[in-house]
Amino acid sequence: MRLERLRARIFNLPNYARGAACILTAVFCLSTAPTVIRFGLNAELDPVMLLSLRSWLAAGLLWGFACLRPNIAKIDRHGLVHCTITGVYNGVSLLLFYTALTFLDVSIATILISLYPLFVLIFLALRGEPLTRPNLLRLGIALTGVYLLVGPGGQVSGIGIGLMIITTIIFALNANWIQWQLHGYPPLTITLYTLSIAALVVGCVYGFQLIVQAQGLPTIPPLGWGVILYTAVIATVIARLSLFTGIQLIGSGQAALLAPIETLLAIIWAALFLGERLSRIQGIGAALIISSALLLPLWEKRALLLTSRPLNRYLHPPRK
C-alpha cells in the first residue's frame, strides 16, 4: 500500500516537477560520462571502439526490453523518419565528442557543452521565437567566457575546441528536433529507435576504420568493459530515457535551464578523479559561460511558465 501511495504521489506531481526530476536524473548520469570515458582513453583504448560497443550494447538492452513489451516498438512513419534523423544527429555528435576528449581536458570540454542553452535559443529564434536583447547580452558574455577559457588561459587544442562547438550545436539541434517533431511519442519508443540508428551510424564508422587500418577486433581489458557497461547503461539508456521524458514534459528550452548543473558536476568529477584544474583566467571564463546560462530564469520569465503560448506555438507544430 505504501509503495502504491508513493507511486500515485509521484505521478500526480505537476508536469514541471516531474519533468525537472527527469532532467536532473539525466544531468547527473551524463555528468559522470566524460570522466568515465577519460579513464578508458587514458588506458589508450580506441574512442570509436568504446563508443561503438557502448551504443550497440545500449541498443541491444532496449530491444531486449522491447521483446518483453512489443508495444514499445510500435511507431508510425512520421515517428520513424524523425527518430532516424535524431539518431543520425546523436551518432555524429557522440563521435565528435569522443574524438574531442582526445584533445581536451574533461573540464574544458564540459564547459564548452554548457553553451548548449544558447544554441537552443538560437534554433528557437529561427522557428519564430524572438531573440531578445538580454539573450544577445548572454551570448556576448558566453563568447567572452570562451575567449578567456581557451585563449589567454592556456594552451588549448583548436581542433578540440572546434569539435566541441560542432558537437554542442548538433546536440542543441537534436534536443529541439525531438520537441518539434516527436512530441507526444512515448519516450521509450523514441529512445529505442534513436539509439538504434545512432548505434548503426557509429558501428559503420568503426567498421570503416577497421577496414582502412586493416586490423582485427582488439582485446578489451576489464577497465574497457567497465567503461562500456557504465556508459551504455547509466549514461545512455537511463540518461536518454530521462532526458526525452523531461523534454516532452517541460520542453527543450526549459530543460536547457538545468544544463549548468551538469557542467558543475562534471568539473567536480574531473577534479576529484582526474586531478584536473583550471587556471585563474580559465576559471573566470568558465564562470562567465555558466553565468550566461543561469541568467535565463531572470530575463525570460515566460520560459518558466508551464504553458507559455508564444513558446509552445513554435515548439509544438501540428503533425500532418
Protein backbone atom coordinates (compact mmCIF):
# COMPACT_ATOMS: atom_id res chain seq x y z
CA MET A 1 0.00 0.00 0.00
CA ARG A 2 2.77 2.44 0.86
CA LEU A 3 4.50 1.76 -2.45
CA GLU A 4 1.25 2.35 -4.33
CA ARG A 5 0.67 5.62 -2.47
CA LEU A 6 4.21 6.79 -3.24
CA ARG A 7 3.78 5.90 -6.89
CA ALA A 8 0.44 7.73 -7.01
CA ARG A 9 2.00 10.84 -5.47
CA ILE A 10 4.84 10.81 -7.99
CA PHE A 11 2.50 10.53 -10.97
CA ASN A 12 0.20 13.19 -9.54
CA LEU A 13 3.01 15.76 -9.41
CA PRO A 14 2.73 18.71 -11.82
CA ASN A 15 4.35 18.23 -15.23
CA TYR A 16 7.09 20.74 -14.43
CA ALA A 17 8.08 18.91 -11.23
CA ARG A 18 8.19 15.53 -12.95
CA GLY A 19 9.96 16.96 -15.96
CA ALA A 20 12.57 18.70 -13.83
CA ALA A 21 13.18 15.50 -11.87
CA CYS A 22 13.72 13.59 -15.12
CA ILE A 23 16.10 16.22 -16.48
CA LEU A 24 18.08 16.29 -13.21
CA THR A 25 18.42 12.49 -13.34
CA ALA A 26 19.73 12.76 -16.89
CA VAL A 27 22.05 15.59 -15.87
CA PHE A 28 23.63 13.53 -13.09
CA CYS A 29 24.11 10.47 -15.30
CA LEU A 30 25.52 12.48 -18.19
CA SER A 31 27.84 14.50 -15.94
CA THR A 32 29.72 11.35 -14.96
CA ALA A 33 30.19 10.10 -18.53
CA PRO A 34 33.16 12.30 -19.62
CA THR A 35 35.24 11.30 -16.58
CA VAL A 36 34.46 7.61 -17.08
CA ILE A 37 35.26 7.88 -20.79
CA ARG A 38 38.54 9.60 -19.94
CA PHE A 39 39.53 6.55 -17.85
CA GLY A 40 39.20 4.45 -20.99
CA LEU A 41 41.08 6.94 -23.16
CA ASN A 42 43.88 7.17 -20.59
CA ALA A 43 44.23 3.41 -20.95
CA GLU A 44 44.87 4.04 -24.68
CA LEU A 45 41.63 2.41 -25.78
CA ASP A 46 40.26 3.45 -29.16
CA PRO A 47 37.50 6.08 -28.68
CA VAL A 48 35.42 4.91 -31.65
CA MET A 49 35.60 1.31 -30.40
CA LEU A 50 34.42 2.37 -26.92
CA LEU A 51 31.56 4.37 -28.40
CA SER A 52 30.58 1.65 -30.86
CA LEU A 53 30.35 -1.09 -28.24
CA ARG A 54 28.57 1.28 -25.84
CA SER A 55 25.96 2.12 -28.48
CA TRP A 56 25.39 -1.46 -29.58
CA LEU A 57 25.08 -2.69 -26.00
CA ALA A 58 22.60 0.06 -25.11
CA ALA A 59 20.52 -0.61 -28.22
CA GLY A 60 20.60 -4.36 -27.52
CA LEU A 61 19.34 -3.84 -23.96
CA LEU A 62 16.46 -1.70 -25.20
CA TRP A 63 15.48 -4.19 -27.92
CA GLY A 64 15.58 -6.99 -25.35
CA PHE A 65 13.15 -4.98 -23.23
CA ALA A 66 11.02 -4.31 -26.32
CA CYS A 67 10.68 -8.09 -26.86
CA LEU A 68 9.00 -8.29 -23.46
CA ARG A 69 6.78 -5.28 -24.24
CA PRO A 70 6.12 -5.27 -28.01
CA ASN A 71 4.06 -2.05 -27.84
CA ILE A 72 7.29 -0.14 -27.28
CA ALA A 73 8.42 -0.86 -30.84
CA LYS A 74 5.19 0.39 -32.44
CA ILE A 75 5.72 3.64 -34.32
CA ASP A 76 4.19 5.36 -37.35
CA ARG A 77 6.00 6.58 -40.44
CA HIS A 78 6.35 10.16 -39.21
CA GLY A 79 7.90 9.00 -35.94
CA LEU A 80 10.27 6.57 -37.65
CA VAL A 81 11.52 9.21 -40.10
CA HIS A 82 12.23 11.75 -37.39
CA CYS A 83 13.70 9.18 -35.00
CA THR A 84 16.09 8.31 -37.82
CA ILE A 85 17.06 11.97 -38.24
CA THR A 86 17.50 12.35 -34.47
CA GLY A 87 19.54 9.15 -34.33
CA VAL A 88 21.91 10.39 -37.04
CA TYR A 89 22.34 13.67 -35.13
CA ASN A 90 23.02 11.69 -31.99
CA GLY A 91 25.53 9.33 -33.57
CA VAL A 92 27.51 12.14 -35.20
CA SER A 93 27.56 14.25 -32.01
CA LEU A 94 28.81 11.30 -29.95
CA LEU A 95 31.57 10.57 -32.45
CA LEU A 96 32.69 14.19 -32.32
CA PHE A 97 32.51 14.28 -28.51
CA TYR A 98 34.63 11.14 -28.04
CA THR A 99 37.16 12.48 -30.53
CA ALA A 100 37.25 15.89 -28.84
CA LEU A 101 38.07 14.26 -25.49
CA THR A 102 41.32 13.01 -27.01
CA PHE A 103 42.35 16.68 -27.45
CA LEU A 104 40.78 18.42 -24.44
CA ASP A 105 40.56 18.02 -20.68
CA VAL A 106 37.18 16.87 -19.41
CA SER A 107 36.68 20.18 -17.60
CA ILE A 108 37.12 22.33 -20.71
CA ALA A 109 35.03 20.00 -22.89
CA THR A 110 32.10 20.05 -20.47
CA ILE A 111 32.31 23.82 -20.02
CA LEU A 112 32.01 24.25 -23.78
CA ILE A 113 28.96 21.98 -23.73
CA SER A 114 27.31 24.50 -21.40
CA LEU A 115 26.93 26.76 -24.45
CA TYR A 116 24.13 24.41 -25.42
CA PRO A 117 21.27 26.58 -23.99
CA LEU A 118 22.34 29.49 -26.18
CA PHE A 119 22.20 27.36 -29.31
CA VAL A 120 18.79 26.06 -28.23
CA LEU A 121 17.51 29.64 -28.04
CA ILE A 122 19.05 30.44 -31.43
CA PHE A 123 17.25 27.49 -33.01
CA LEU A 124 14.03 28.61 -31.30
CA ALA A 125 14.61 32.07 -32.78
CA LEU A 126 14.88 30.51 -36.23
CA ARG A 127 11.47 28.97 -35.60
CA GLY A 128 9.98 32.36 -34.77
CA GLU A 129 10.67 32.87 -31.06
CA PRO A 130 12.17 36.39 -30.69
CA LEU A 131 15.86 36.56 -29.77
CA THR A 132 15.72 39.33 -27.17
CA ARG A 133 18.38 41.84 -26.22
CA PRO A 134 19.03 40.10 -22.88
CA ASN A 135 19.71 36.88 -24.77
CA LEU A 136 22.11 38.72 -27.07
CA LEU A 137 23.85 40.01 -23.95
CA ARG A 138 24.02 36.44 -22.65
CA LEU A 139 25.60 35.41 -25.95
CA GLY A 140 28.23 38.15 -25.57
CA ILE A 141 29.00 37.06 -22.00
CA ALA A 142 29.34 33.44 -23.11
CA LEU A 143 31.66 34.30 -26.01
CA THR A 144 33.84 36.37 -23.66
CA GLY A 145 33.99 33.37 -21.37
CA VAL A 146 35.01 31.13 -24.26
CA TYR A 147 37.84 33.51 -25.14
CA LEU A 148 39.15 33.52 -21.56
CA LEU A 149 38.78 29.76 -21.32
CA VAL A 150 40.66 28.84 -24.47
CA GLY A 151 42.65 32.00 -25.28
CA PRO A 152 44.94 33.61 -22.65
CA GLY A 153 44.03 30.93 -20.11
CA GLY A 154 46.47 28.42 -21.52
CA GLN A 155 47.32 26.20 -24.46
CA VAL A 156 44.11 24.55 -25.60
CA SER A 157 43.73 22.47 -28.75
CA GLY A 158 41.97 24.38 -31.51
CA ILE A 159 40.87 21.08 -33.07
CA GLY A 160 39.30 20.00 -29.80
CA ILE A 161 37.52 23.34 -29.41
CA GLY A 162 36.13 23.16 -32.94
CA LEU A 163 34.89 19.61 -32.42
CA MET A 164 33.19 20.56 -29.15
CA ILE A 165 31.46 23.60 -30.67
CA ILE A 166 30.09 21.47 -33.51
CA THR A 167 29.07 18.80 -31.00
CA THR A 168 27.18 21.36 -28.93
CA ILE A 169 25.38 22.78 -31.98
CA ILE A 170 24.29 19.30 -33.09
CA PHE A 171 23.20 18.39 -29.55
CA ALA A 172 21.06 21.55 -29.34
CA LEU A 173 19.50 20.82 -32.73
CA ASN A 174 18.88 17.23 -31.63
CA ALA A 175 17.04 18.36 -28.48
CA ASN A 176 14.89 20.82 -30.41
CA TRP A 177 14.14 18.28 -33.13
CA ILE A 178 12.72 15.92 -30.52
CA GLN A 179 10.48 18.72 -29.26
CA TRP A 180 9.41 19.91 -32.71
CA GLN A 181 8.75 16.59 -34.40
CA LEU A 182 8.43 13.84 -31.76
CA HIS A 183 6.26 15.49 -29.13
CA GLY A 184 3.61 13.04 -27.96
CA TYR A 185 5.50 9.86 -28.81
CA PRO A 186 6.39 7.53 -25.90
CA PRO A 187 9.90 8.37 -24.61
CA LEU A 188 10.89 4.70 -24.56
CA THR A 189 9.94 4.31 -28.22
CA ILE A 190 11.92 7.43 -29.17
CA THR A 191 14.92 6.19 -27.20
CA LEU A 192 14.72 2.74 -28.79
CA TYR A 193 14.82 3.96 -32.36
CA THR A 194 17.17 6.93 -31.97
CA LEU A 195 19.75 4.85 -30.09
CA SER A 196 19.46 2.08 -32.66
CA ILE A 197 20.10 4.49 -35.53
CA ALA A 198 22.96 6.12 -33.59
CA ALA A 199 24.48 2.66 -32.96
CA LEU A 200 24.22 1.91 -36.69
CA VAL A 201 25.96 5.17 -37.60
CA VAL A 202 28.75 4.66 -35.08
CA GLY A 203 29.10 0.98 -35.99
CA CYS A 204 29.51 1.84 -39.67
CA VAL A 205 32.22 4.36 -38.84
CA TYR A 206 34.06 1.84 -36.66
CA GLY A 207 33.75 -0.87 -39.31
CA PHE A 208 35.16 1.50 -41.92
CA GLN A 209 38.02 2.35 -39.55
CA LEU A 210 38.88 -1.32 -39.12
CA ILE A 211 38.88 -1.85 -42.88
CA VAL A 212 41.09 1.17 -43.53
CA GLN A 213 43.54 0.20 -40.78
CA ALA A 214 43.42 -3.48 -41.83
CA GLN A 215 43.13 -4.56 -38.20
CA GLY A 216 41.05 -7.15 -36.40
CA LEU A 217 38.98 -6.61 -33.28
CA PRO A 218 41.28 -5.67 -30.37
CA THR A 219 41.38 -7.34 -26.97
CA ILE A 220 39.46 -5.28 -24.44
CA PRO A 221 40.80 -5.19 -20.84
CA PRO A 222 38.46 -5.28 -17.81
CA LEU A 223 38.71 -1.50 -17.47
CA GLY A 224 37.46 -1.09 -21.02
CA TRP A 225 34.44 -3.32 -20.38
CA GLY A 226 33.70 -1.37 -17.21
CA VAL A 227 33.71 1.89 -19.17
CA ILE A 228 31.50 0.35 -21.88
CA LEU A 229 28.98 -1.08 -19.39
CA TYR A 230 28.73 2.10 -17.34
CA THR A 231 28.34 4.42 -20.32
CA ALA A 232 25.85 2.07 -22.01
CA VAL A 233 23.53 1.54 -19.03
CA ILE A 234 23.86 4.69 -16.92
CA ALA A 235 24.98 7.39 -19.36
CA THR A 236 22.96 6.14 -22.32
CA VAL A 237 19.83 4.12 -21.52
CA ILE A 238 18.89 5.74 -18.20
CA ALA A 239 20.10 9.21 -19.19
CA ARG A 240 18.31 9.24 -22.57
CA LEU A 241 15.03 7.93 -21.19
CA SER A 242 15.12 10.61 -18.51
CA LEU A 243 16.14 13.33 -20.96
CA PHE A 244 13.47 12.52 -23.56
CA THR A 245 10.78 12.26 -20.89
CA GLY A 246 11.82 15.58 -19.38
CA ILE A 247 11.88 17.37 -22.77
CA GLN A 248 8.37 16.14 -23.51
CA LEU A 249 7.10 17.33 -20.12
CA ILE A 250 8.72 20.77 -19.91
CA GLY A 251 10.20 21.46 -23.35
CA SER A 252 13.76 21.76 -24.62
CA GLY A 253 14.02 25.46 -23.71
CA GLN A 254 13.25 24.87 -20.04
CA ALA A 255 15.31 21.67 -19.96
CA ALA A 256 18.28 23.76 -21.08
CA LEU A 257 17.98 25.81 -17.87
CA LEU A 258 19.35 22.87 -15.90
CA ALA A 259 22.37 22.34 -18.18
CA PRO A 260 24.77 24.37 -15.97
CA ILE A 261 24.28 21.82 -13.20
CA GLU A 262 25.71 19.11 -15.47
CA THR A 263 28.72 21.31 -16.17
CA LEU A 264 29.40 21.97 -12.49
CA LEU A 265 29.08 18.29 -11.61
CA ALA A 266 31.35 17.24 -14.49
CA ILE A 267 34.03 19.70 -13.34
CA ILE A 268 33.76 18.31 -9.81
CA TRP A 269 34.15 14.69 -11.00
CA ALA A 270 37.12 15.66 -13.19
CA ALA A 271 38.80 17.42 -10.27
CA LEU A 272 38.15 14.57 -7.82
CA PHE A 273 39.02 11.60 -10.02
CA LEU A 274 41.31 13.01 -12.73
CA GLY A 275 43.08 15.77 -10.84
CA GLU A 276 42.21 18.39 -13.46
CA ARG A 277 42.48 22.06 -12.51
CA LEU A 278 41.61 25.29 -14.32
CA SER A 279 43.89 28.32 -14.24
CA ARG A 280 42.56 31.53 -12.66
CA ILE A 281 41.77 33.09 -16.04
CA GLN A 282 40.16 29.89 -17.27
CA GLY A 283 38.10 29.81 -14.09
CA ILE A 284 36.80 33.32 -14.82
CA GLY A 285 35.94 32.26 -18.36
CA ALA A 286 34.13 29.16 -17.08
CA ALA A 287 32.18 31.29 -14.59
CA LEU A 288 31.09 33.65 -17.38
CA ILE A 289 29.90 30.77 -19.57
CA ILE A 290 27.96 29.14 -16.74
CA SER A 291 26.55 32.51 -15.63
CA SER A 292 25.27 33.19 -19.14
CA ALA A 293 23.15 30.05 -18.86
CA LEU A 294 21.97 30.85 -15.34
CA LEU A 295 20.74 34.32 -16.37
CA LEU A 296 17.87 32.90 -18.40
CA PRO A 297 15.43 32.42 -15.48
CA LEU A 298 15.90 36.10 -14.55
CA TRP A 299 15.27 37.52 -18.02
CA GLU A 300 12.97 35.03 -19.70
CA LYS A 301 10.08 34.61 -17.27
CA ARG A 302 7.93 33.11 -19.97
CA ALA A 303 10.27 30.14 -20.22
CA LEU A 304 9.39 29.22 -16.64
CA LEU A 305 5.66 29.03 -17.33
CA LEU A 306 4.23 25.56 -17.88
CA THR A 307 2.10 26.66 -20.82
CA SER A 308 3.69 29.62 -22.49
CA ARG A 309 1.56 30.17 -25.60
CA PRO A 310 4.14 32.01 -27.74
CA LEU A 311 6.80 29.41 -26.95
CA ASN A 312 4.54 26.38 -27.36
CA ARG A 313 3.36 27.67 -30.73
CA TYR A 314 6.86 27.05 -32.10
CA LEU A 315 7.74 24.01 -30.01
CA HIS A 316 4.61 22.02 -30.82
CA PRO A 317 3.82 22.35 -34.54
CA PRO A 318 0.84 20.19 -35.59
CA ARG A 319 1.73 16.88 -37.20
CA LYS A 320 0.21 16.26 -40.61
